[in-house]
Amino acid sequence: MTYLVYINDHRHDVSDGHIADLEDRIMDAVRIGGAFVEVFDGGSQPVRVLVTPATAVRIQRAPRPIIASSADTEFPDFAFYDLDDFTGTTP
């Protein structure tokens, strides 16, 4: 299952295998007054996010796995790019 994690209105697609650890690290950061938390959201490198007691965090299950072909209609705030076709030139 995939989870949608919103941290200060920034969305992260987090797999089921990482969600429990992420919740624990978020709670630890809040308890100590703030810390950077690594979020594994499917990219090659984790994203480091500053979490404080004032940080808005929301976690919800995605209704179904997020795939590029259905993302436009089901998850309009997600963006997918085909990097294999990227030439780096401007038309």
N, C-alpha and C. Protein backbone atom coordinates (compact mmCIF):
# COMPACT_ATOMS: atom_id res chain seq x y z
N MET A 1 0.85 -1.18 0.00
CA MET A 1 0.00 0.00 0.00
C MET A 1 0.90 1.23 0.00
N THR A 2 0.43 2.25 -0.61
CA THR A 2 1.13 3.53 -0.67
C THR A 2 0.44 4.53 0.23
N TYR A 3 1.21 5.37 0.87
CA TYR A 3 0.68 6.43 1.72
C TYR A 3 1.02 7.78 1.13
N LEU A 4 0.12 8.72 1.29
CA LEU A 4 0.38 10.10 0.95
C LEU A 4 0.70 10.82 2.25
N VAL A 5 1.90 11.37 2.32
CA VAL A 5 2.35 12.07 3.53
C VAL A 5 2.48 13.54 3.16
N TYR A 6 1.76 14.37 3.86
CA TYR A 6 1.78 15.81 3.64
C TYR A 6 2.55 16.44 4.80
N ILE A 7 3.64 17.11 4.50
CA ILE A 7 4.43 17.81 5.51
C ILE A 7 4.48 19.26 5.08
N ASN A 8 3.80 20.13 5.84
CA ASN A 8 3.65 21.54 5.47
C ASN A 8 3.18 21.68 4.02
N ASP A 9 2.16 20.93 3.69
CA ASP A 9 1.52 20.95 2.38
C ASP A 9 2.37 20.42 1.23
N HIS A 10 3.52 19.85 1.50
CA HIS A 10 4.32 19.18 0.47
C HIS A 10 4.00 17.70 0.54
N ARG A 11 3.69 17.12 -0.60
CA ARG A 11 3.26 15.72 -0.64
C ARG A 11 4.41 14.79 -0.95
N HIS A 12 4.40 13.66 -0.26
CA HIS A 12 5.40 12.62 -0.46
C HIS A 12 4.66 11.29 -0.61
N ASP A 13 5.07 10.49 -1.57
CA ASP A 13 4.52 9.17 -1.82
C ASP A 13 5.42 8.18 -1.08
N VAL A 14 4.92 7.59 0.01
CA VAL A 14 5.74 6.74 0.86
C VAL A 14 5.18 5.32 0.85
N SER A 15 6.05 4.35 0.67
CA SER A 15 5.60 2.95 0.63
C SER A 15 5.28 2.43 2.02
N ASP A 16 4.52 1.37 2.04
CA ASP A 16 4.10 0.74 3.29
C ASP A 16 5.29 0.34 4.15
N GLY A 17 6.37 -0.10 3.52
CA GLY A 17 7.54 -0.55 4.25
C GLY A 17 8.28 0.55 5.00
N HIS A 18 8.04 1.82 4.64
CA HIS A 18 8.74 2.94 5.27
C HIS A 18 7.86 3.77 6.20
N ILE A 19 6.55 3.55 6.19
CA ILE A 19 5.65 4.47 6.90
C ILE A 19 5.80 4.41 8.41
N ALA A 20 5.93 3.22 9.00
CA ALA A 20 6.04 3.12 10.47
C ALA A 20 7.30 3.81 10.97
N ASP A 21 8.41 3.61 10.26
CA ASP A 21 9.67 4.25 10.64
C ASP A 21 9.57 5.76 10.49
N LEU A 22 8.93 6.22 9.43
CA LEU A 22 8.76 7.66 9.22
C LEU A 22 7.93 8.27 10.34
N GLU A 23 6.84 7.63 10.72
CA GLU A 23 6.02 8.14 11.82
C GLU A 23 6.84 8.26 13.10
N ASP A 24 7.64 7.24 13.40
CA ASP A 24 8.49 7.28 14.60
C ASP A 24 9.49 8.43 14.54
N ARG A 25 10.12 8.63 13.37
CA ARG A 25 11.11 9.70 13.25
C ARG A 25 10.47 11.08 13.34
N ILE A 26 9.25 11.22 12.81
CA ILE A 26 8.53 12.49 12.92
C ILE A 26 8.21 12.77 14.38
N MET A 27 7.71 11.78 15.10
CA MET A 27 7.39 11.98 16.52
C MET A 27 8.64 12.30 17.34
N ASP A 28 9.76 11.64 17.05
CA ASP A 28 11.01 11.94 17.75
C ASP A 28 11.43 13.38 17.50
N ALA A 29 11.32 13.85 16.26
CA ALA A 29 11.69 15.23 15.92
C ALA A 29 10.81 16.22 16.67
N VAL A 30 9.54 15.94 16.78
CA VAL A 30 8.62 16.83 17.49
C VAL A 30 8.97 16.87 18.98
N ARG A 31 9.26 15.71 19.56
CA ARG A 31 9.57 15.63 21.00
C ARG A 31 10.82 16.42 21.38
N ILE A 32 11.81 16.46 20.48
CA ILE A 32 13.05 17.17 20.83
C ILE A 32 13.04 18.62 20.38
N GLY A 33 11.92 19.07 19.82
CA GLY A 33 11.80 20.47 19.44
C GLY A 33 12.11 20.76 17.99
N GLY A 34 12.51 19.74 17.23
CA GLY A 34 12.75 19.91 15.81
C GLY A 34 13.98 19.16 15.34
N ALA A 35 13.90 18.62 14.14
CA ALA A 35 15.03 17.91 13.54
C ALA A 35 14.71 17.67 12.07
N PHE A 36 15.77 17.43 11.30
CA PHE A 36 15.56 17.03 9.91
C PHE A 36 15.21 15.55 9.88
N VAL A 37 14.19 15.21 9.10
CA VAL A 37 13.73 13.84 8.97
C VAL A 37 13.86 13.45 7.51
N GLU A 38 14.45 12.28 7.24
CA GLU A 38 14.57 11.80 5.88
C GLU A 38 13.28 11.10 5.47
N VAL A 39 12.76 11.49 4.32
CA VAL A 39 11.54 10.89 3.78
C VAL A 39 11.93 10.14 2.51
N PHE A 40 11.70 8.82 2.51
CA PHE A 40 11.97 8.00 1.33
C PHE A 40 10.71 7.97 0.49
N ASP A 41 10.67 8.79 -0.55
CA ASP A 41 9.45 8.93 -1.34
C ASP A 41 9.59 8.38 -2.76
N GLY A 42 10.40 7.37 -2.91
CA GLY A 42 10.52 6.73 -4.22
C GLY A 42 11.64 7.24 -5.09
N GLY A 43 12.25 8.34 -4.71
CA GLY A 43 13.38 8.87 -5.48
C GLY A 43 14.65 8.11 -5.16
N SER A 44 15.71 8.41 -5.87
CA SER A 44 16.97 7.72 -5.64
C SER A 44 17.62 8.17 -4.33
N GLN A 45 17.32 9.37 -3.88
CA GLN A 45 17.85 9.90 -2.63
C GLN A 45 16.69 10.33 -1.74
N PRO A 46 16.80 10.13 -0.43
CA PRO A 46 15.73 10.60 0.45
C PRO A 46 15.68 12.13 0.49
N VAL A 47 14.51 12.65 0.79
CA VAL A 47 14.31 14.08 0.94
C VAL A 47 14.41 14.39 2.42
N ARG A 48 15.18 15.40 2.79
CA ARG A 48 15.31 15.80 4.19
C ARG A 48 14.38 16.97 4.45
N VAL A 49 13.50 16.79 5.44
CA VAL A 49 12.47 17.79 5.76
C VAL A 49 12.62 18.19 7.21
N LEU A 50 12.60 19.50 7.48
CA LEU A 50 12.66 19.98 8.86
C LEU A 50 11.29 19.82 9.49
N VAL A 51 11.23 19.07 10.59
CA VAL A 51 9.98 18.84 11.32
C VAL A 51 10.14 19.43 12.71
N THR A 52 9.21 20.30 13.10
CA THR A 52 9.20 20.94 14.41
C THR A 52 7.82 20.70 15.04
N PRO A 53 7.63 21.09 16.30
CA PRO A 53 6.30 20.96 16.89
C PRO A 53 5.22 21.76 16.14
N ALA A 54 5.60 22.74 15.36
CA ALA A 54 4.63 23.55 14.62
C ALA A 54 4.39 23.03 13.20
N THR A 55 5.07 21.97 12.80
CA THR A 55 4.94 21.43 11.45
C THR A 55 3.61 20.71 11.29
N ALA A 56 2.92 21.03 10.22
CA ALA A 56 1.67 20.32 9.90
C ALA A 56 2.00 19.04 9.16
N VAL A 57 1.57 17.90 9.72
CA VAL A 57 1.81 16.59 9.12
C VAL A 57 0.48 15.85 9.02
N ARG A 58 0.23 15.30 7.85
CA ARG A 58 -0.96 14.47 7.65
C ARG A 58 -0.55 13.24 6.86
N ILE A 59 -1.01 12.07 7.29
CA ILE A 59 -0.69 10.82 6.61
C ILE A 59 -2.00 10.12 6.28
N GLN A 60 -2.13 9.71 5.03
CA GLN A 60 -3.33 8.98 4.64
C GLN A 60 -2.96 7.91 3.63
N ARG A 61 -3.74 6.84 3.62
CA ARG A 61 -3.55 5.79 2.62
C ARG A 61 -4.01 6.30 1.27
N ALA A 62 -3.23 6.01 0.25
CA ALA A 62 -3.67 6.32 -1.11
C ALA A 62 -4.76 5.31 -1.45
N PRO A 63 -5.79 5.75 -2.16
CA PRO A 63 -6.89 4.84 -2.47
C PRO A 63 -6.46 3.66 -3.34
N ARG A 64 -5.37 3.82 -4.08
CA ARG A 64 -4.81 2.74 -4.91
C ARG A 64 -3.38 3.14 -5.22
N PRO A 65 -2.57 2.21 -5.70
CA PRO A 65 -1.19 2.58 -6.02
C PRO A 65 -1.13 3.75 -7.00
N ILE A 66 -0.16 4.62 -6.82
CA ILE A 66 0.00 5.79 -7.68
C ILE A 66 0.86 5.40 -8.86
N ILE A 67 0.29 5.52 -10.05
CA ILE A 67 1.03 5.26 -11.28
C ILE A 67 0.86 6.45 -12.21
N ALA A 68 1.81 6.65 -13.08
CA ALA A 68 1.80 7.84 -13.93
C ALA A 68 0.55 7.94 -14.80
N SER A 69 0.04 6.82 -15.29
CA SER A 69 -1.10 6.89 -16.22
C SER A 69 -2.38 7.37 -15.56
N SER A 70 -2.52 7.20 -14.25
CA SER A 70 -3.75 7.64 -13.58
C SER A 70 -3.53 8.86 -12.70
N ALA A 71 -2.32 9.35 -12.61
CA ALA A 71 -2.00 10.43 -11.67
C ALA A 71 -2.69 11.74 -12.01
N ASP A 72 -2.85 12.04 -13.30
CA ASP A 72 -3.45 13.32 -13.68
C ASP A 72 -4.87 13.48 -13.17
N THR A 73 -5.66 12.42 -13.20
CA THR A 73 -7.05 12.53 -12.78
C THR A 73 -7.23 12.26 -11.30
N GLU A 74 -6.45 11.32 -10.74
CA GLU A 74 -6.64 10.95 -9.34
C GLU A 74 -5.80 11.78 -8.38
N PHE A 75 -4.62 12.18 -8.81
CA PHE A 75 -3.70 12.93 -7.97
C PHE A 75 -3.16 14.11 -8.76
N PRO A 76 -3.96 15.15 -8.96
CA PRO A 76 -3.55 16.24 -9.86
C PRO A 76 -2.32 17.02 -9.39
N ASP A 77 -1.94 16.92 -8.12
CA ASP A 77 -0.79 17.68 -7.63
C ASP A 77 0.53 16.93 -7.84
N PHE A 78 0.47 15.68 -8.30
CA PHE A 78 1.69 14.93 -8.58
C PHE A 78 2.14 15.23 -10.00
N ALA A 79 3.43 15.26 -10.23
CA ALA A 79 3.96 15.49 -11.56
C ALA A 79 4.90 14.34 -11.92
N PHE A 80 4.75 13.83 -13.13
CA PHE A 80 5.61 12.77 -13.63
C PHE A 80 6.30 13.27 -14.89
N TYR A 81 7.57 12.96 -15.04
CA TYR A 81 8.33 13.39 -16.20
C TYR A 81 9.02 12.17 -16.80
N ASP A 82 8.99 12.06 -18.10
CA ASP A 82 9.69 10.98 -18.80
C ASP A 82 11.09 11.48 -19.10
N LEU A 83 12.05 11.13 -18.27
CA LEU A 83 13.41 11.64 -18.41
C LEU A 83 14.15 11.00 -19.58
N ASP A 84 13.67 9.84 -20.05
CA ASP A 84 14.31 9.23 -21.21
C ASP A 84 14.15 10.07 -22.46
N ASP A 85 13.07 10.85 -22.53
CA ASP A 85 12.82 11.69 -23.70
C ASP A 85 13.37 13.10 -23.55
N PHE A 86 13.95 13.42 -22.41
CA PHE A 86 14.44 14.77 -22.17
C PHE A 86 15.72 15.02 -22.93
N THR A 87 15.72 16.05 -23.75
CA THR A 87 16.90 16.36 -24.55
C THR A 87 17.68 17.55 -24.00
N GLY A 88 17.03 18.33 -23.13
CA GLY A 88 17.71 19.47 -22.55
C GLY A 88 17.73 20.69 -23.45
N THR A 89 17.00 20.63 -24.56
CA THR A 89 16.96 21.79 -25.46
C THR A 89 15.58 22.41 -25.43
N THR A 90 15.52 23.67 -25.73
CA THR A 90 14.26 24.39 -25.79
C THR A 90 13.84 24.54 -27.24
N PRO A 91 12.57 24.20 -27.56
CA PRO A 91 12.15 24.31 -28.96
C PRO A 91 12.14 25.73 -29.45
